């Protein structure tokens, strides 16, 4: 729990949350750590402006439905579920038009309302997505970030395509697997961490580039003289934007998921225009198409994200896990909350 407006988190005993209308109570089994949790742990400027302690953090989790409100018919006690972190209103123009992933009234579990790093979580029924018993719960807990990768990768064609992915954080690593599963011809990746380049290779990347040590554009131009069909930007670094535009073929597409620290980032707009590139911003998961897509990828055996989950901890070892994450020595970290 983030109990006070200062760095760190605390393990505190709190009352079991009561059920309420439109909600379900979940017995949480597993949770995974996101970059957002790191911001909250560090209590940086973003966290200070957004979080109102006390707050139970954690928005990536899975478990078993323990109790349902009388007005909930979509779930029942005993159902295995995973969390969708974006709680949407269902009433705004975006929600009504099939764009609920950009709902203007979105609240985020573990940020704006209590999340799931606790034995029990009471969340809106719409945010508890059933696994239908087809996905192990220690994998299901990472579907929220995996959905970001699926949304980004499937924003354009993949079968037979050559794809560049910039940034091998967990979502970038997931994206390698998604592109492979959907029939990409080859995948080139850039990443400054040797540890994560090893993980990218395990996930099926064909070309591994460390832009701190190599001329990424020169390597890509030699390997793909006609340009790549698509670029998925996951790093949030301005240099990756230039690389994506330079390396993508005329008529290709660029999907942007990485969040940039600078509010104003330069973009080679003229180059993008004259190349006729399709550039799309990606946020969250399409509700609920992305969930259907990743369920089929995982349950159908086409996608194995096991190599990305490099560490498993008890929830009691949260501080140890955060130290490893901040040192860049992890892929995805999963907690047992039994």
Protein backbone atom coordinates (compact mmCIF):
# COMPACT_ATOMS: atom_id res chain seq x y z
CA UNK A 1 0.00 0.00 0.00
CA UNK A 2 1.06 3.57 -0.65
CA UNK A 3 0.20 4.84 2.83
CA UNK A 4 1.98 8.18 2.79
CA UNK A 5 3.14 10.73 0.20
CA UNK A 6 6.78 9.63 0.21
CA UNK A 7 9.02 7.03 -1.47
CA UNK A 8 8.39 3.35 -0.79
CA UNK A 9 5.34 1.25 -0.01
CA UNK A 10 4.19 -0.47 3.17
CA UNK A 11 2.63 -3.78 4.06
CA UNK A 12 -0.37 -2.96 6.24
CA UNK A 13 -3.35 -4.89 7.53
CA UNK A 14 -6.62 -3.42 6.28
CA UNK A 15 -10.23 -4.49 6.53
CA UNK A 16 -11.54 -6.88 3.90
CA UNK A 17 -13.37 -4.67 1.36
CA UNK A 18 -17.16 -5.08 1.24
CA UNK A 19 -18.98 -5.94 -1.98
CA UNK A 20 -20.93 -3.15 -3.66
CA UNK A 21 -23.30 -2.71 -6.55
CA UNK A 22 -21.90 -3.60 -9.96
CA UNK A 23 -18.75 -5.07 -8.45
CA UNK A 24 -17.15 -8.44 -7.72
CA UNK A 25 -14.82 -9.46 -4.92
CA UNK A 26 -11.73 -11.30 -6.12
CA UNK A 27 -9.47 -13.51 -4.05
CA UNK A 28 -6.22 -12.32 -5.58
CA UNK A 29 -3.70 -15.04 -6.46
CA UNK A 30 -1.05 -13.31 -8.57
CA UNK A 31 0.06 -9.81 -9.43
CA UNK A 32 2.74 -8.32 -11.66
CA UNK A 33 4.67 -5.07 -11.46
CA UNK A 34 4.34 -2.30 -14.02
CA UNK A 35 6.38 0.83 -14.67
CA UNK A 36 3.51 2.77 -13.12
CA UNK A 37 4.12 0.94 -9.84
CA UNK A 38 7.77 1.98 -10.01
CA UNK A 39 6.74 5.63 -10.39
CA UNK A 40 4.48 5.27 -7.36
CA UNK A 41 7.20 3.47 -5.37
CA UNK A 42 9.69 6.25 -6.16
CA UNK A 43 7.07 8.93 -5.49
CA UNK A 44 8.20 10.97 -8.50
CA UNK A 45 6.53 14.12 -9.81
CA UNK A 46 3.89 12.16 -11.73
CA UNK A 47 2.95 10.05 -8.71
CA UNK A 48 2.83 13.08 -6.43
CA UNK A 49 0.44 14.83 -8.80
CA UNK A 50 -1.83 11.80 -9.31
CA UNK A 51 -1.93 9.49 -6.29
CA UNK A 52 -3.95 10.32 -3.19
CA UNK A 53 -2.72 8.08 -0.33
CA UNK A 54 -3.71 5.85 1.24
CA UNK A 55 -4.06 3.74 -1.90
CA UNK A 56 -3.79 0.00 -2.47
CA UNK A 57 -1.62 -0.17 -5.55
CA UNK A 58 -1.41 -2.80 -8.29
CA UNK A 59 -3.38 -2.94 -11.52
CA UNK A 60 -2.08 -6.19 -13.03
CA UNK A 61 -3.51 -9.15 -11.15
CA UNK A 62 -5.53 -12.34 -11.39
CA UNK A 63 -7.57 -14.47 -9.05
CA UNK A 64 -10.84 -16.20 -8.34
CA UNK A 65 -14.22 -14.53 -7.90
CA UNK A 66 -15.21 -14.84 -4.26
CA UNK A 67 -18.46 -12.86 -4.26
CA UNK A 68 -20.64 -11.03 -6.78
CA UNK A 69 -23.07 -8.19 -6.23
CA UNK A 70 -26.76 -8.98 -6.66
CA UNK A 71 -26.93 -6.94 -9.87
CA UNK A 72 -23.98 -8.72 -11.55
CA UNK A 73 -24.92 -11.54 -13.92
CA UNK A 74 -21.79 -11.81 -16.08
CA UNK A 75 -19.69 -13.59 -13.44
CA UNK A 76 -20.20 -16.12 -10.69
CA UNK A 77 -18.34 -17.34 -7.62
CA UNK A 78 -15.40 -19.53 -8.63
CA UNK A 79 -14.72 -17.88 -11.98
CA UNK A 80 -11.03 -17.27 -12.71
CA UNK A 81 -10.45 -13.69 -13.87
CA UNK A 82 -7.75 -11.16 -14.75
CA UNK A 83 -7.86 -7.42 -14.26
CA UNK A 84 -8.42 -4.77 -16.91
CA UNK A 85 -6.91 -1.71 -15.29
CA UNK A 86 -8.99 0.86 -17.16
CA UNK A 87 -12.40 1.34 -15.57
CA UNK A 88 -14.49 3.18 -18.16
CA UNK A 89 -17.78 5.04 -17.92
CA UNK A 90 -19.72 3.42 -20.78
CA UNK A 91 -21.49 6.71 -21.47
CA UNK A 92 -19.09 9.08 -23.26
CA UNK A 93 -18.84 9.39 -27.04
CA UNK A 94 -15.78 7.17 -27.11
CA UNK A 95 -17.37 4.37 -25.09
CA UNK A 96 -20.56 4.49 -27.12
CA UNK A 97 -18.58 4.50 -30.38
CA UNK A 98 -16.45 1.43 -29.70
CA UNK A 99 -13.43 3.39 -28.45
CA UNK A 100 -13.69 2.69 -24.73
CA UNK A 101 -9.90 2.36 -24.50
CA UNK A 102 -9.79 6.17 -24.76
CA UNK A 103 -12.77 6.87 -22.49
CA UNK A 104 -12.47 10.44 -21.24
CA UNK A 105 -13.64 9.39 -17.76
CA UNK A 106 -11.21 6.50 -17.30
CA UNK A 107 -10.18 5.57 -13.77
CA UNK A 108 -7.19 3.28 -13.28
CA UNK A 109 -7.03 0.49 -10.72
CA UNK A 110 -4.24 1.02 -8.23
CA UNK A 111 -3.94 4.66 -9.23
CA UNK A 112 -7.30 6.43 -8.99
CA UNK A 113 -9.10 3.65 -7.10
CA UNK A 114 -7.81 0.77 -4.99
CA UNK A 115 -6.04 -1.97 -6.89
CA UNK A 116 -5.14 -5.60 -6.42
CA UNK A 117 -1.94 -5.97 -4.40
CA UNK A 118 -3.99 -7.33 -1.50
CA UNK A 119 -5.63 -10.64 -0.53
CA UNK A 120 -9.00 -9.34 -1.77
CA UNK A 121 -9.92 -6.74 -4.35
CA UNK A 122 -13.38 -5.36 -5.03
CA UNK A 123 -13.50 -4.05 -8.60
CA UNK A 124 -16.20 -3.27 -11.17
CA UNK A 125 -17.44 -6.47 -12.82
CA UNK A 126 -16.51 -5.08 -16.24
CA UNK A 127 -12.85 -4.91 -15.14
CA UNK A 128 -12.74 -8.59 -14.16
CA UNK A 129 -12.15 -10.46 -17.42
CA UNK A 130 -12.81 -14.23 -17.30
CA UNK A 131 -10.08 -16.61 -18.44
CA UNK A 132 -12.64 -19.39 -19.04
CA UNK A 133 -10.16 -21.72 -17.34
CA UNK A 134 -7.89 -21.64 -20.40
CA UNK A 135 -4.99 -19.55 -19.08
CA UNK A 136 -2.98 -20.28 -15.90
CA UNK A 137 -3.48 -17.52 -13.35
CA UNK A 138 0.25 -16.81 -13.05
CA UNK A 139 0.18 -15.97 -16.77
CA UNK A 140 -3.25 -14.35 -16.76
CA UNK A 141 -2.06 -11.65 -14.35
CA UNK A 142 0.12 -10.07 -17.06
CA UNK A 143 -2.62 -9.77 -19.67
CA UNK A 144 -3.04 -6.05 -19.03
CA UNK A 145 0.47 -5.20 -20.36
CA UNK A 146 0.37 -8.05 -22.85
CA UNK A 147 -2.77 -6.42 -24.23
CA UNK A 148 -0.77 -3.27 -24.90
CA UNK A 149 1.61 -5.34 -27.01
CA UNK A 150 -1.23 -7.06 -28.86
CA UNK A 151 -2.99 -3.75 -29.53
CA UNK A 152 0.23 -2.15 -30.81
CA UNK A 153 1.30 -5.07 -32.97
CA UNK A 154 -2.13 -5.75 -34.48
CA UNK A 155 -2.75 -2.10 -35.40
CA UNK A 156 -1.64 -3.12 -38.91
CA UNK A 157 -0.67 -6.16 -41.00
CA UNK A 158 1.92 -8.59 -39.65
CA UNK A 159 1.81 -11.75 -41.77
CA UNK A 160 4.85 -11.82 -44.05
CA UNK A 161 6.03 -8.43 -42.79
CA UNK A 162 9.42 -7.24 -41.64
CA UNK A 163 8.97 -5.44 -38.32
CA UNK A 164 11.18 -3.15 -36.24
CA UNK A 165 10.50 -2.94 -32.49
CA UNK A 166 12.34 -0.22 -30.57
CA UNK A 167 12.68 -0.86 -26.82
CA UNK A 168 12.74 -4.26 -25.15
CA UNK A 169 10.95 -3.57 -21.92
CA UNK A 170 8.37 -6.24 -21.07
CA UNK A 171 5.80 -4.89 -23.55
CA UNK A 172 8.39 -4.72 -26.31
CA UNK A 173 9.42 -8.30 -25.50
CA UNK A 174 5.80 -9.41 -25.58
CA UNK A 175 5.47 -7.72 -28.97
CA UNK A 176 8.25 -9.87 -30.41
CA UNK A 177 6.27 -12.97 -29.50
CA UNK A 178 3.01 -11.53 -30.83
CA UNK A 179 4.58 -10.61 -34.17
CA UNK A 180 6.09 -14.08 -34.49
CA UNK A 181 2.77 -15.72 -33.61
CA UNK A 182 0.97 -13.66 -36.24
CA UNK A 183 3.35 -14.68 -39.02
CA UNK A 184 5.86 -11.82 -39.29
CA UNK A 185 8.67 -12.61 -41.71
CA UNK A 186 11.42 -11.16 -39.54
CA UNK A 187 11.76 -8.96 -36.47
CA UNK A 188 14.54 -6.48 -35.75
CA UNK A 189 14.83 -4.98 -32.28
CA UNK A 190 16.80 -2.19 -30.64
CA UNK A 191 17.67 -2.12 -26.94
CA UNK A 192 20.55 -0.70 -24.89
CA UNK A 193 20.37 -3.40 -22.18
CA UNK A 194 22.36 -6.57 -23.00
CA UNK A 195 20.18 -8.44 -20.48
CA UNK A 196 17.02 -7.56 -22.40
CA UNK A 197 18.59 -8.27 -25.79
CA UNK A 198 19.11 -11.84 -24.59
CA UNK A 199 15.42 -12.03 -23.69
CA UNK A 200 14.49 -10.62 -27.10
CA UNK A 201 16.44 -13.40 -28.78
CA UNK A 202 14.65 -15.97 -26.63
CA UNK A 203 11.33 -14.48 -27.76
CA UNK A 204 12.30 -14.93 -31.41
CA UNK A 205 13.89 -11.66 -32.56
CA UNK A 206 16.00 -12.11 -35.70
CA UNK A 207 18.13 -8.95 -35.64
CA UNK A 208 19.46 -7.63 -32.30
CA UNK A 209 20.85 -4.08 -32.20
CA UNK A 210 22.31 -2.11 -29.31
CA UNK A 211 22.08 1.51 -30.51
CA UNK A 212 24.59 2.64 -27.88
CA UNK A 213 27.26 0.49 -29.51
CA UNK A 214 26.13 0.16 -33.13
CA UNK A 215 24.78 2.27 -35.98
CA UNK A 216 21.21 1.00 -35.94
CA UNK A 217 20.10 2.67 -39.17
CA UNK A 218 23.11 1.40 -41.10
CA UNK A 219 22.46 -2.17 -39.93
CA UNK A 220 18.77 -1.96 -40.81
CA UNK A 221 19.39 -0.44 -44.24
CA UNK A 222 21.85 -3.22 -45.07
CA UNK A 223 19.47 -5.97 -43.89
CA UNK A 224 16.31 -4.34 -45.30
CA UNK A 225 17.34 -2.24 -48.32
CA UNK A 226 13.71 -1.56 -49.24
CA UNK A 227 12.77 -0.63 -45.67
CA UNK A 228 10.74 -2.41 -43.00
CA UNK A 229 7.00 -2.77 -43.29
CA UNK A 230 6.25 -1.62 -39.75
CA UNK A 231 7.87 -0.10 -36.68
CA UNK A 232 6.54 -0.50 -33.14
CA UNK A 233 7.96 2.20 -30.86
CA UNK A 234 8.12 1.01 -27.25
CA UNK A 235 11.08 2.89 -25.80
CA UNK A 236 9.90 6.47 -25.29
CA UNK A 237 13.21 7.81 -26.62
CA UNK A 238 13.23 10.53 -29.25
CA UNK A 239 16.04 8.91 -31.23
CA UNK A 240 13.80 5.89 -31.80
CA UNK A 241 11.26 8.10 -33.59
CA UNK A 242 13.87 9.20 -36.13
CA UNK A 243 15.00 5.61 -36.59
CA UNK A 244 11.44 4.38 -37.11
CA UNK A 245 10.73 6.99 -39.79
CA UNK A 246 14.06 6.46 -41.55
CA UNK A 247 13.91 2.66 -41.50
CA UNK A 248 10.24 2.14 -42.45
CA UNK A 249 9.45 1.72 -46.13
CA UNK A 250 7.22 4.15 -48.06
CA UNK A 251 3.61 3.24 -47.31
CA UNK A 252 4.54 1.45 -44.09
CA UNK A 253 3.17 2.06 -40.62
CA UNK A 254 4.47 3.18 -37.26
CA UNK A 255 2.64 2.36 -34.02
CA UNK A 256 3.59 4.48 -31.00
CA UNK A 257 3.17 3.10 -27.49
CA UNK A 258 6.27 4.40 -25.68
CA UNK A 259 5.64 7.43 -23.47
CA UNK A 260 8.18 10.24 -23.81
CA UNK A 261 9.62 12.06 -20.81
CA UNK A 262 9.73 15.32 -22.75
CA UNK A 263 6.36 16.91 -23.47
CA UNK A 264 7.59 18.19 -26.84
CA UNK A 265 9.46 15.73 -29.04
CA UNK A 266 10.62 16.54 -32.56
CA UNK A 267 9.38 14.41 -35.42
CA UNK A 268 10.56 14.20 -39.02
CA UNK A 269 7.14 15.14 -40.29
CA UNK A 270 8.16 15.95 -43.85
CA UNK A 271 9.89 12.60 -44.19
CA UNK A 272 6.83 10.83 -42.76
CA UNK A 273 4.52 12.75 -45.12
CA UNK A 274 6.52 12.11 -48.27
CA UNK A 275 6.86 8.45 -47.34
CA UNK A 276 3.11 8.23 -46.83
CA UNK A 277 3.55 6.61 -43.44
CA UNK A 278 0.58 5.70 -41.28
CA UNK A 279 1.39 6.80 -37.71
CA UNK A 280 -0.91 5.69 -34.92
CA UNK A 281 -0.86 6.39 -31.20
CA UNK A 282 -1.67 3.39 -29.02
CA UNK A 283 -3.07 3.49 -25.50
CA UNK A 284 -4.31 0.59 -23.41
CA UNK A 285 -6.23 -2.31 -24.87
CA UNK A 286 -9.20 -2.14 -27.21
CA UNK A 287 -12.20 -3.10 -25.06
CA UNK A 288 -12.83 -5.87 -25.61
CA UNK A 289 -11.36 -6.98 -28.95
CA UNK A 290 -7.78 -7.03 -27.67
CA UNK A 291 -8.72 -9.33 -24.79
CA UNK A 292 -10.33 -11.78 -27.21
CA UNK A 293 -7.23 -11.71 -29.42
CA UNK A 294 -4.73 -12.35 -26.64
CA UNK A 295 -6.90 -15.04 -25.06
CA UNK A 296 -6.80 -16.95 -28.32
CA UNK A 297 -3.05 -16.42 -28.69
CA UNK A 298 -2.34 -17.70 -25.17
CA UNK A 299 -4.94 -20.43 -24.88
CA UNK A 300 -4.34 -21.64 -28.43
CA UNK A 301 -0.65 -22.18 -27.76
CA UNK A 302 0.55 -19.77 -30.46
CA UNK A 303 2.17 -17.41 -27.96
CA UNK A 304 4.56 -18.36 -25.15
CA UNK A 305 5.43 -15.41 -22.92
CA UNK A 306 7.30 -17.55 -20.41
CA UNK A 307 10.78 -16.18 -21.26
CA UNK A 308 9.63 -12.64 -20.42
CA UNK A 309 8.64 -13.60 -16.87
CA UNK A 310 12.13 -13.74 -15.41
CA UNK A 311 11.37 -13.50 -11.68
CA UNK A 312 8.71 -14.72 -9.28
CA UNK A 313 8.45 -13.46 -5.72
CA UNK A 314 6.24 -13.63 -2.70
CA UNK A 315 4.45 -10.35 -2.08
CA UNK A 316 6.52 -10.14 1.11
CA UNK A 317 9.63 -9.53 -1.02
CA UNK A 318 8.30 -6.45 -2.80
CA UNK A 319 11.28 -4.21 -1.92
CA UNK A 320 13.76 -6.78 -3.20
CA UNK A 321 11.85 -7.08 -6.46
CA UNK A 322 11.70 -3.32 -6.93
CA UNK A 323 15.47 -3.06 -6.49
CA UNK A 324 16.03 -5.62 -9.25
CA UNK A 325 13.53 -3.91 -11.55
CA UNK A 326 15.15 -0.51 -11.07
CA UNK A 327 18.56 -2.05 -11.76
CA UNK A 328 17.26 -3.26 -15.14
CA UNK A 329 17.87 -6.91 -14.27
CA UNK A 330 14.38 -8.26 -14.85
CA UNK A 331 11.86 -8.87 -17.52
CA UNK A 332 8.37 -9.18 -16.07
CA UNK A 333 8.09 -9.81 -12.33
CA UNK A 334 5.18 -11.85 -10.94
CA UNK A 335 4.12 -11.93 -7.29
CA UNK A 336 2.28 -14.67 -5.48
CA UNK A 337 -0.36 -13.09 -3.23
CA UNK A 338 -1.63 -16.31 -1.66
